[in-house]
Amino acid sequence: MNASELREKTPDQLRDELTNLKKEAFNLRFQQATGALESTARMRQVKRDAARVKTILNEKAAGEAN
């Protein structure tokens, strides 16, 4: 997922995406704790995607405030 795809989405869609990413991150952490995690790189990717979504949401909020 890249930033240009995220900028096309509405804030509500971004919040939904963030919720899904947080759920996935939780599941990945749980899998890691139980030793069932296959791809440790996915954890890093999910964290970064969540950060990207938060950044875009903040940009949109700042744009509306001005």
Protein backbone atom coordinates (compact mmCIF):
# COMPACT_ATOMS: atom_id res chain seq x y z
CA MET A 1 0.00 0.00 0.00
CA ASN A 2 1.47 3.34 -0.96
CA ALA A 3 0.61 6.88 0.06
CA SER A 4 -0.94 7.88 -3.27
CA GLU A 5 -3.53 5.09 -2.93
CA LEU A 6 -4.33 6.24 0.59
CA ARG A 7 -4.72 9.90 -0.36
CA GLU A 8 -7.56 8.96 -2.72
CA LYS A 9 -9.59 7.48 0.15
CA THR A 10 -12.01 9.35 2.40
CA PRO A 11 -11.23 9.82 6.10
CA ASP A 12 -13.85 7.20 7.01
CA GLN A 13 -12.25 4.66 4.69
CA LEU A 14 -8.85 5.49 6.20
CA ARG A 15 -10.17 4.95 9.73
CA ASP A 16 -11.57 1.56 8.66
CA GLU A 17 -8.22 0.68 7.11
CA LEU A 18 -6.43 1.70 10.31
CA THR A 19 -8.76 -0.48 12.38
CA ASN A 20 -8.08 -3.45 10.10
CA LEU A 21 -4.33 -2.88 10.31
CA LYS A 22 -4.44 -2.70 14.11
CA LYS A 23 -6.38 -5.98 14.23
CA GLU A 24 -3.86 -7.59 11.91
CA ALA A 25 -0.96 -6.31 14.02
CA PHE A 26 -2.58 -7.78 17.13
CA ASN A 27 -3.03 -11.14 15.42
CA LEU A 28 0.58 -11.10 14.22
CA ARG A 29 1.84 -10.35 17.73
CA PHE A 30 -0.28 -13.21 19.05
CA GLN A 31 1.11 -15.56 16.40
CA GLN A 32 4.65 -14.50 17.27
CA ALA A 33 4.07 -15.21 20.94
CA THR A 34 2.75 -18.70 20.19
CA GLY A 35 5.49 -19.45 17.67
CA ALA A 36 3.10 -19.73 14.73
CA LEU A 37 4.30 -16.63 12.85
CA GLU A 38 5.59 -17.47 9.39
CA SER A 39 6.60 -14.07 8.05
CA THR A 40 8.19 -11.69 10.54
CA ALA A 41 8.55 -9.08 7.79
CA ARG A 42 4.76 -8.74 7.70
CA MET A 43 4.81 -7.25 11.21
CA ARG A 44 7.08 -4.43 10.06
CA GLN A 45 4.99 -3.87 6.95
CA VAL A 46 1.75 -3.61 8.94
CA LYS A 47 3.29 -1.14 11.40
CA ARG A 48 4.50 1.06 8.58
CA ASP A 49 1.17 0.89 6.76
CA ALA A 50 -0.60 1.94 9.95
CA ALA A 51 1.80 4.86 10.33
CA ARG A 52 1.16 5.87 6.72
CA VAL A 53 -2.60 5.84 7.30
CA LYS A 54 -2.23 7.95 10.45
CA THR A 55 -0.03 10.44 8.59
CA ILE A 56 -2.55 10.80 5.76
CA LEU A 57 -5.40 11.23 8.26
CA ASN A 58 -3.46 13.99 10.03
CA GLU A 59 -2.70 15.67 6.70
CA LYS A 60 -6.38 15.63 5.77
CA ALA A 61 -7.37 16.98 9.19
CA ALA A 62 -4.80 19.76 8.93
CA GLY A 63 -5.98 20.59 5.42
CA GLU A 64 -9.57 20.94 6.59
CA ALA A 65 -8.55 23.12 9.54
CA ASN A 66 -6.87 25.70 7.29
